[in-house]
């Protein structure tokens, strides 16, 4: 019978990856101790090694977060619809001018 999928906390992943980095135990021993598959331990260890430099990077070294393009396009569409609606409503009012 399959075991249900488990979600591990980031603190647990870090603990397991650091234990793997120490190298005082084999992957099989760590897998038995933490009840995790050895391949999973290897993946977490690799992620830790790849992303360790991000910990010590200054704000100027970090890449700027890219804006969510999909959300921006949705907002532009909403604003265009509002402008079209208001322009039409303004045209129906007597003595109203969009240009002032």
C-alpha atoms as a PDB file:
ATOM      1  CA  UNK A   1       0.000   0.000   0.000  1.00  0.00           C
ATOM      2  CA  UNK A   2       1.311   3.447  -0.936  1.00  0.00           C
ATOM      3  CA  UNK A   3       2.037   5.983   1.744  1.00  0.00           C
ATOM      4  CA  UNK A   4       0.258   9.332   1.289  1.00  0.00           C
ATOM      5  CA  UNK A   5       2.335  12.198  -0.038  1.00  0.00           C
ATOM      6  CA  UNK A   6       4.121  14.132   2.691  1.00  0.00           C
ATOM      7  CA  UNK A   7       5.053  17.792   2.747  1.00  0.00           C
ATOM      8  CA  UNK A   8       8.146  18.539   4.782  1.00  0.00           C
ATOM      9  CA  UNK A   9       8.797  21.828   6.510  1.00  0.00           C
ATOM     10  CA  UNK A  10      11.723  23.927   5.277  1.00  0.00           C
ATOM     11  CA  UNK A  11      13.397  23.588   8.695  1.00  0.00           C
ATOM     12  CA  UNK A  12      13.281  19.802   8.419  1.00  0.00           C
ATOM     13  CA  UNK A  13      14.723  19.894   4.900  1.00  0.00           C
ATOM     14  CA  UNK A  14      17.561  22.134   6.054  1.00  0.00           C
ATOM     15  CA  UNK A  15      18.281  19.848   9.007  1.00  0.00           C
ATOM     16  CA  UNK A  16      18.476  16.776   6.767  1.00  0.00           C
ATOM     17  CA  UNK A  17      20.589  18.554   4.129  1.00  0.00           C
ATOM     18  CA  UNK A  18      23.032  19.825   6.753  1.00  0.00           C
ATOM     19  CA  UNK A  19      23.326  16.331   8.214  1.00  0.00           C
ATOM     20  CA  UNK A  20      24.118  15.046   4.717  1.00  0.00           C
ATOM     21  CA  UNK A  21      26.749  17.764   4.246  1.00  0.00           C
ATOM     22  CA  UNK A  22      28.514  16.791   7.444  1.00  0.00           C
ATOM     23  CA  UNK A  23      29.312  13.434   5.907  1.00  0.00           C
ATOM     24  CA  UNK A  24      29.625  11.544   9.185  1.00  0.00           C
ATOM     25  CA  UNK A  25      26.812   9.152   8.178  1.00  0.00           C
ATOM     26  CA  UNK A  26      25.911   7.431   4.932  1.00  0.00           C
ATOM     27  CA  UNK A  27      22.848   8.307   2.921  1.00  0.00           C
ATOM     28  CA  UNK A  28      21.243   5.028   3.911  1.00  0.00           C
ATOM     29  CA  UNK A  29      21.724   5.803   7.599  1.00  0.00           C
ATOM     30  CA  UNK A  30      20.326   9.306   7.184  1.00  0.00           C
ATOM     31  CA  UNK A  31      17.373   7.981   5.197  1.00  0.00           C
ATOM     32  CA  UNK A  32      16.565   5.534   7.960  1.00  0.00           C
ATOM     33  CA  UNK A  33      17.030   8.117  10.696  1.00  0.00           C
ATOM     34  CA  UNK A  34      14.842  10.786   9.078  1.00  0.00           C
ATOM     35  CA  UNK A  35      12.458   8.372   7.284  1.00  0.00           C
ATOM     36  CA  UNK A  36      13.131   9.952   3.888  1.00  0.00           C
ATOM     37  CA  UNK A  37      14.284   8.393   0.619  1.00  0.00           C
ATOM     38  CA  UNK A  38      18.035   8.750  -0.098  1.00  0.00           C
ATOM     39  CA  UNK A  39      17.320  10.415  -3.452  1.00  0.00           C
ATOM     40  CA  UNK A  40      15.312  13.077  -1.638  1.00  0.00           C
ATOM     41  CA  UNK A  41      18.215  13.736   0.715  1.00  0.00           C
ATOM     42  CA  UNK A  42      20.529  14.127  -2.276  1.00  0.00           C
ATOM     43  CA  UNK A  43      18.137  16.624  -3.896  1.00  0.00           C
ATOM     44  CA  UNK A  44      17.877  18.707  -0.724  1.00  0.00           C
ATOM     45  CA  UNK A  45      21.643  18.660  -0.295  1.00  0.00           C
ATOM     46  CA  UNK A  46      22.123  19.847  -3.900  1.00  0.00           C
ATOM     47  CA  UNK A  47      19.564  22.634  -3.421  1.00  0.00           C
ATOM     48  CA  UNK A  48      21.317  23.752  -0.264  1.00  0.00           C
ATOM     49  CA  UNK A  49      24.678  23.912  -2.008  1.00  0.00           C
ATOM     50  CA  UNK A  50      23.276  25.779  -5.026  1.00  0.00           C
ATOM     51  CA  UNK A  51      21.349  28.356  -3.009  1.00  0.00           C
ATOM     52  CA  UNK A  52      23.786  28.909  -0.147  1.00  0.00           C
ATOM     53  CA  UNK A  53      25.240  31.968  -1.865  1.00  0.00           C
ATOM     54  CA  UNK A  54      21.814  33.651  -1.774  1.00  0.00           C
ATOM     55  CA  UNK A  55      22.036  33.739   2.008  1.00  0.00           C
ATOM     56  CA  UNK A  56      25.063  35.995   2.044  1.00  0.00           C
ATOM     57  CA  UNK A  57      24.216  38.130  -0.983  1.00  0.00           C
ATOM     58  CA  UNK A  58      23.632  41.817  -0.348  1.00  0.00           C
ATOM     59  CA  UNK A  59      20.538  43.610  -1.609  1.00  0.00           C
ATOM     60  CA  UNK A  60      22.460  44.993  -4.585  1.00  0.00           C
ATOM     61  CA  UNK A  61      23.642  41.495  -5.548  1.00  0.00           C
ATOM     62  CA  UNK A  62      20.151  40.009  -5.575  1.00  0.00           C
ATOM     63  CA  UNK A  63      18.215  40.186  -8.841  1.00  0.00           C
ATOM     64  CA  UNK A  64      15.180  42.446  -8.834  1.00  0.00           C
ATOM     65  CA  UNK A  65      11.861  40.622  -8.723  1.00  0.00           C
ATOM     66  CA  UNK A  66      10.233  40.585 -12.140  1.00  0.00           C
ATOM     67  CA  UNK A  67       6.688  41.952 -12.253  1.00  0.00           C
ATOM     68  CA  UNK A  68       3.847  39.532 -12.910  1.00  0.00           C
ATOM     69  CA  UNK A  69       3.131  40.187 -16.600  1.00  0.00           C
ATOM     70  CA  UNK A  70      -0.172  38.323 -16.585  1.00  0.00           C
ATOM     71  CA  UNK A  71      -1.529  40.441 -13.735  1.00  0.00           C
ATOM     72  CA  UNK A  72      -0.346  43.634 -15.423  1.00  0.00           C
ATOM     73  CA  UNK A  73      -2.088  42.703 -18.685  1.00  0.00           C
ATOM     74  CA  UNK A  74      -5.287  41.992 -16.749  1.00  0.00           C
ATOM     75  CA  UNK A  75      -5.073  45.382 -15.036  1.00  0.00           C
ATOM     76  CA  UNK A  76      -4.501  47.145 -18.379  1.00  0.00           C
ATOM     77  CA  UNK A  77      -7.567  45.426 -19.831  1.00  0.00           C
ATOM     78  CA  UNK A  78      -9.664  46.464 -16.844  1.00  0.00           C
ATOM     79  CA  UNK A  79      -8.540  50.091 -17.114  1.00  0.00           C
ATOM     80  CA  UNK A  80      -9.235  50.189 -20.862  1.00  0.00           C
ATOM     81  CA  UNK A  81     -12.765  48.916 -20.272  1.00  0.00           C
ATOM     82  CA  UNK A  82     -13.341  51.503 -17.548  1.00  0.00           C
ATOM     83  CA  UNK A  83     -12.044  54.310 -19.767  1.00  0.00           C
ATOM     84  CA  UNK A  84     -14.270  53.231 -22.665  1.00  0.00           C
ATOM     85  CA  UNK A  85     -17.304  53.028 -20.383  1.00  0.00           C
ATOM     86  CA  UNK A  86     -16.659  56.436 -18.833  1.00  0.00           C
ATOM     87  CA  UNK A  87     -16.014  58.046 -22.206  1.00  0.00           C
ATOM     88  CA  UNK A  88     -19.334  56.694 -23.470  1.00  0.00           C
ATOM     89  CA  UNK A  89     -21.155  57.863 -20.352  1.00  0.00           C
ATOM     90  CA  UNK A  90     -19.568  61.292 -20.630  1.00  0.00           C
ATOM     91  CA  UNK A  91     -20.703  61.592 -24.230  1.00  0.00           C
ATOM     92  CA  UNK A  92     -24.340  61.121 -23.195  1.00  0.00           C
ATOM     93  CA  UNK A  93     -24.315  63.986 -20.685  1.00  0.00           C
ATOM     94  CA  UNK A  94     -25.450  67.389 -21.947  1.00  0.00           C
ATOM     95  CA  UNK A  95     -22.827  70.149 -21.858  1.00  0.00           C
ATOM     96  CA  UNK A  96     -20.069  67.688 -20.984  1.00  0.00           C
ATOM     97  CA  UNK A  97     -16.706  67.727 -22.579  1.00  0.00           C
ATOM     98  CA  UNK A  98     -13.911  65.226 -22.131  1.00  0.00           C
ATOM     99  CA  UNK A  99     -11.399  67.875 -23.124  1.00  0.00           C
ATOM    100  CA  UNK A 100     -10.996  70.693 -20.645  1.00  0.00           C
END
